[in-house]
Amino acid sequence: MKAKKLKHYNIPGHAHELTFSCYHGYNYLIDPKACELFLSELESSKKTFNLKIWAYVLMPTHVHILLWPMETAYDIARILNETKGRMAKEYRDFILKRRPETFESFTVYNKYKARSIFRFWQKSGGFDRNLWHAKAIRNAINYIEANPVKKKLAQYPENYKWSSAYARANNVGLIPDTFQMPVELLNPKVQRIGISQ
């Protein structure tokens, strides 16, 4: 079955609530090194693409991020692809150098290239919801940061190391930007976009 392609709406002034998964939902993000590399690349993307990062959490099998592009023209797919791609290459190099015996477990055979390739992220699918209203944005921040508690990975959001709640509470790592919009970012024509898995 052909994977469905996720449609992104690059609307100026909108925030994006994003979710994407590790390949086949594997728990690759239980490795602290993978988490460190991803947050480092997310911070790089924040500077490169002029983003506000309002919330994030790295769960064992997937990632949630709430970001706000500050540029009038932006491409959310490019932001995601570059962030994930750079992280995957860094992690691949790390595995080859430090844990070569595990490298094969991250590979999948590509029939078009006729060889096995390293695969960290699920290639298609995921979730991208455009947000512009303050209440919806605050709800999204709370939802994202509560994920580890719901999954019984932490007692409180700020106890989970790979999250914006932890970074904010402990003043370490990728500290999220403060959300201060009183009402809405922009009155849009498109409210919600779908999910494809």
Protein backbone atom coordinates (compact mmCIF):
# COMPACT_ATOMS: atom_id res chain seq x y z
CA MET A 1 0.00 0.00 0.00
CA LYS A 2 1.33 3.43 -0.92
CA ALA A 3 1.89 5.75 2.05
CA LYS A 4 -0.27 8.85 2.17
CA LYS A 5 1.48 12.18 1.89
CA LEU A 6 0.99 14.72 4.65
CA LYS A 7 -0.20 18.10 3.39
CA HIS A 8 1.27 21.20 5.03
CA TYR A 9 -0.34 24.64 4.97
CA ASN A 10 2.32 27.38 5.11
CA ILE A 11 0.10 30.23 6.23
CA PRO A 12 1.86 33.39 7.49
CA GLY A 13 1.22 34.01 11.17
CA HIS A 14 0.19 30.45 11.98
CA ALA A 15 1.79 28.16 14.53
CA HIS A 16 2.20 24.45 13.78
CA GLU A 17 1.54 21.55 16.12
CA LEU A 18 3.66 18.72 14.70
CA THR A 19 3.92 15.02 15.46
CA PHE A 20 6.21 12.54 13.71
CA SER A 21 7.47 9.04 14.48
CA CYS A 22 10.57 6.92 14.50
CA TYR A 23 10.73 4.31 11.76
CA HIS A 24 7.92 1.75 12.24
CA GLY A 25 7.26 3.28 15.67
CA TYR A 26 10.47 1.82 17.09
CA ASN A 27 11.63 3.24 20.40
CA TYR A 28 14.83 4.78 19.03
CA LEU A 29 14.40 7.84 21.26
CA ILE A 30 15.08 5.91 24.44
CA ASP A 31 18.73 6.58 23.61
CA PRO A 32 19.85 9.83 25.31
CA LYS A 33 22.35 10.44 22.50
CA ALA A 34 19.57 10.41 19.90
CA CYS A 35 17.57 12.88 22.01
CA GLU A 36 20.57 15.16 22.50
CA LEU A 37 21.28 15.22 18.77
CA PHE A 38 17.67 15.94 17.85
CA LEU A 39 17.37 18.84 20.30
CA SER A 40 20.66 20.24 19.05
CA GLU A 41 19.39 20.17 15.46
CA LEU A 42 16.03 21.64 16.50
CA GLU A 43 17.89 24.52 18.12
CA SER A 44 19.90 25.01 14.93
CA SER A 45 16.67 25.08 12.90
CA LYS A 46 15.21 27.61 15.31
CA LYS A 47 18.05 30.00 14.41
CA THR A 48 18.27 29.13 10.71
CA PHE A 49 14.55 29.41 9.99
CA ASN A 50 13.72 32.10 12.59
CA LEU A 51 11.29 30.05 14.69
CA LYS A 52 9.69 30.33 18.09
CA ILE A 53 9.62 26.95 19.83
CA TRP A 54 6.76 26.97 22.31
CA ALA A 55 6.69 23.31 23.36
CA TYR A 56 8.25 19.95 22.59
CA VAL A 57 8.58 16.45 23.96
CA LEU A 58 10.64 13.52 22.74
CA MET A 59 8.72 10.36 23.55
CA PRO A 60 10.43 6.97 23.04
CA THR A 61 8.73 6.37 19.67
CA HIS A 62 7.74 9.84 18.44
CA VAL A 63 8.12 13.61 18.79
CA HIS A 64 5.66 16.44 19.45
CA ILE A 65 6.62 20.05 18.68
CA LEU A 66 4.72 23.34 18.71
CA LEU A 67 6.53 26.00 16.70
CA TRP A 68 5.78 29.39 15.21
CA PRO A 69 7.62 30.48 12.03
CA MET A 70 8.45 34.19 12.29
CA GLU A 71 9.07 34.67 8.57
CA THR A 72 6.23 35.66 6.24
CA ALA A 73 7.29 32.98 3.75
CA TYR A 74 8.31 29.60 5.11
CA ASP A 75 8.12 25.90 4.25
CA ILE A 76 7.23 23.70 7.21
CA ALA A 77 8.07 20.54 5.26
CA ARG A 78 11.58 21.86 4.57
CA ILE A 79 12.04 22.81 8.23
CA LEU A 80 11.06 19.31 9.31
CA ASN A 81 13.02 17.49 6.62
CA GLU A 82 16.22 19.40 7.28
CA THR A 83 15.98 19.04 11.06
CA LYS A 84 15.23 15.32 10.94
CA GLY A 85 17.71 14.70 8.13
CA ARG A 86 20.64 16.38 9.87
CA MET A 87 19.88 14.55 13.11
CA ALA A 88 19.64 11.16 11.36
CA LYS A 89 23.01 11.68 9.66
CA GLU A 90 24.65 12.70 12.93
CA TYR A 91 23.18 9.69 14.70
CA ARG A 92 24.19 7.34 11.87
CA ASP A 93 27.78 8.57 12.12
CA PHE A 94 27.69 8.16 15.89
CA ILE A 95 26.41 4.58 15.62
CA LEU A 96 29.03 3.67 13.00
CA LYS A 97 31.82 5.05 15.17
CA ARG A 98 30.70 4.09 18.68
CA ARG A 99 28.25 1.19 18.31
CA PRO A 100 28.93 -0.49 14.95
CA GLU A 101 27.49 -3.78 16.18
CA THR A 102 24.03 -2.14 16.34
CA PHE A 103 24.14 -0.43 12.93
CA GLU A 104 22.30 -3.20 11.08
CA SER A 105 19.27 -2.84 13.34
CA PHE A 106 18.77 0.69 11.93
CA THR A 107 18.92 -0.34 8.28
CA VAL A 108 16.22 -1.24 5.80
CA TYR A 109 16.61 -2.61 2.28
CA ASN A 110 15.84 -0.05 -0.43
CA LYS A 111 14.87 -1.83 -3.66
CA TYR A 112 15.38 1.31 -5.77
CA LYS A 113 18.96 1.73 -4.56
CA ALA A 114 19.47 -2.04 -4.33
CA ARG A 115 21.12 -1.74 -0.95
CA SER A 116 20.36 -1.28 2.74
CA ILE A 117 20.09 2.29 4.02
CA PHE A 118 20.05 3.81 7.50
CA ARG A 119 16.53 4.78 8.57
CA PHE A 120 15.70 6.61 11.81
CA TRP A 121 12.44 8.43 10.98
CA GLN A 122 9.22 7.19 9.47
CA LYS A 123 9.28 8.51 5.91
CA SER A 124 5.67 9.64 5.57
CA GLY A 125 2.63 10.34 7.65
CA GLY A 126 2.48 12.31 10.84
CA PHE A 127 0.45 15.26 11.96
CA ASP A 128 0.52 19.00 11.28
CA ARG A 129 -2.20 21.21 12.70
CA ASN A 130 -2.27 24.94 12.03
CA LEU A 131 -3.02 27.00 15.14
CA TRP A 132 -3.65 30.71 15.55
CA HIS A 133 -5.96 31.17 18.57
CA ALA A 134 -4.40 31.67 22.01
CA LYS A 135 -6.64 29.13 23.76
CA ALA A 136 -5.86 26.40 21.23
CA ILE A 137 -2.15 27.17 21.46
CA ARG A 138 -2.13 27.00 25.25
CA ASN A 139 -4.08 23.74 25.10
CA ALA A 140 -1.51 22.35 22.66
CA ILE A 141 1.37 23.34 24.98
CA ASN A 142 -0.35 21.61 27.89
CA TYR A 143 -1.13 18.52 25.81
CA ILE A 144 2.43 18.17 24.51
CA GLU A 145 4.05 18.62 27.89
CA ALA A 146 1.59 16.26 29.63
CA ASN A 147 2.44 13.34 27.31
CA PRO A 148 5.08 11.74 29.57
CA VAL A 149 2.69 11.87 32.52
CA LYS A 150 -0.12 10.24 30.53
CA LYS A 151 2.25 7.49 29.43
CA LYS A 152 3.51 7.05 33.01
CA LEU A 153 7.06 8.04 32.10
CA ALA A 154 7.10 10.83 34.69
CA GLN A 155 5.04 11.97 37.65
CA TYR A 156 5.03 15.61 36.52
CA PRO A 157 5.79 17.19 33.12
CA GLU A 158 8.87 18.96 34.46
CA ASN A 159 10.35 15.62 35.59
CA TYR A 160 10.70 14.32 32.02
CA LYS A 161 14.16 15.29 30.75
CA TRP A 162 13.44 15.40 27.02
CA SER A 163 10.76 18.07 27.14
CA SER A 164 10.21 21.81 27.10
CA ALA A 165 8.65 21.54 30.58
CA TYR A 166 11.92 20.14 31.97
CA ALA A 167 14.08 22.69 30.14
CA ARG A 168 11.92 25.57 31.38
CA ALA A 169 11.77 24.35 35.00
CA ASN A 170 15.50 23.63 35.21
CA ASN A 171 16.77 26.40 32.92
CA VAL A 172 18.80 23.93 30.84
CA GLY A 173 18.96 22.74 27.25
CA LEU A 174 16.56 24.03 24.62
CA ILE A 175 14.48 26.39 26.72
CA PRO A 176 11.09 27.06 25.07
CA ASP A 177 10.02 30.54 24.08
CA THR A 178 7.31 32.09 26.22
CA PHE A 179 3.91 32.19 24.55
CA GLN A 180 2.41 35.65 25.10
CA MET A 181 -0.22 36.09 22.38
CA PRO A 182 -3.38 37.42 24.07
CA VAL A 183 -6.04 36.42 21.52
CA GLU A 184 -5.00 35.11 18.13
CA LEU A 185 -2.15 35.15 15.63
CA LEU A 186 -4.20 35.59 12.47
CA ASN A 187 -7.78 35.10 11.36
CA PRO A 188 -7.30 32.24 8.87
CA LYS A 189 -9.26 30.57 6.13
CA VAL A 190 -7.95 27.11 7.03
CA GLN A 191 -8.47 25.87 10.58
CA ARG A 192 -7.37 22.26 10.81
CA ILE A 193 -5.48 19.91 8.58
CA GLY A 194 -5.47 16.18 8.76
CA ILE A 195 -3.30 13.32 9.69
CA SER A 196 -1.96 10.65 7.40
CA GLN A 197 -0.25 7.54 8.64
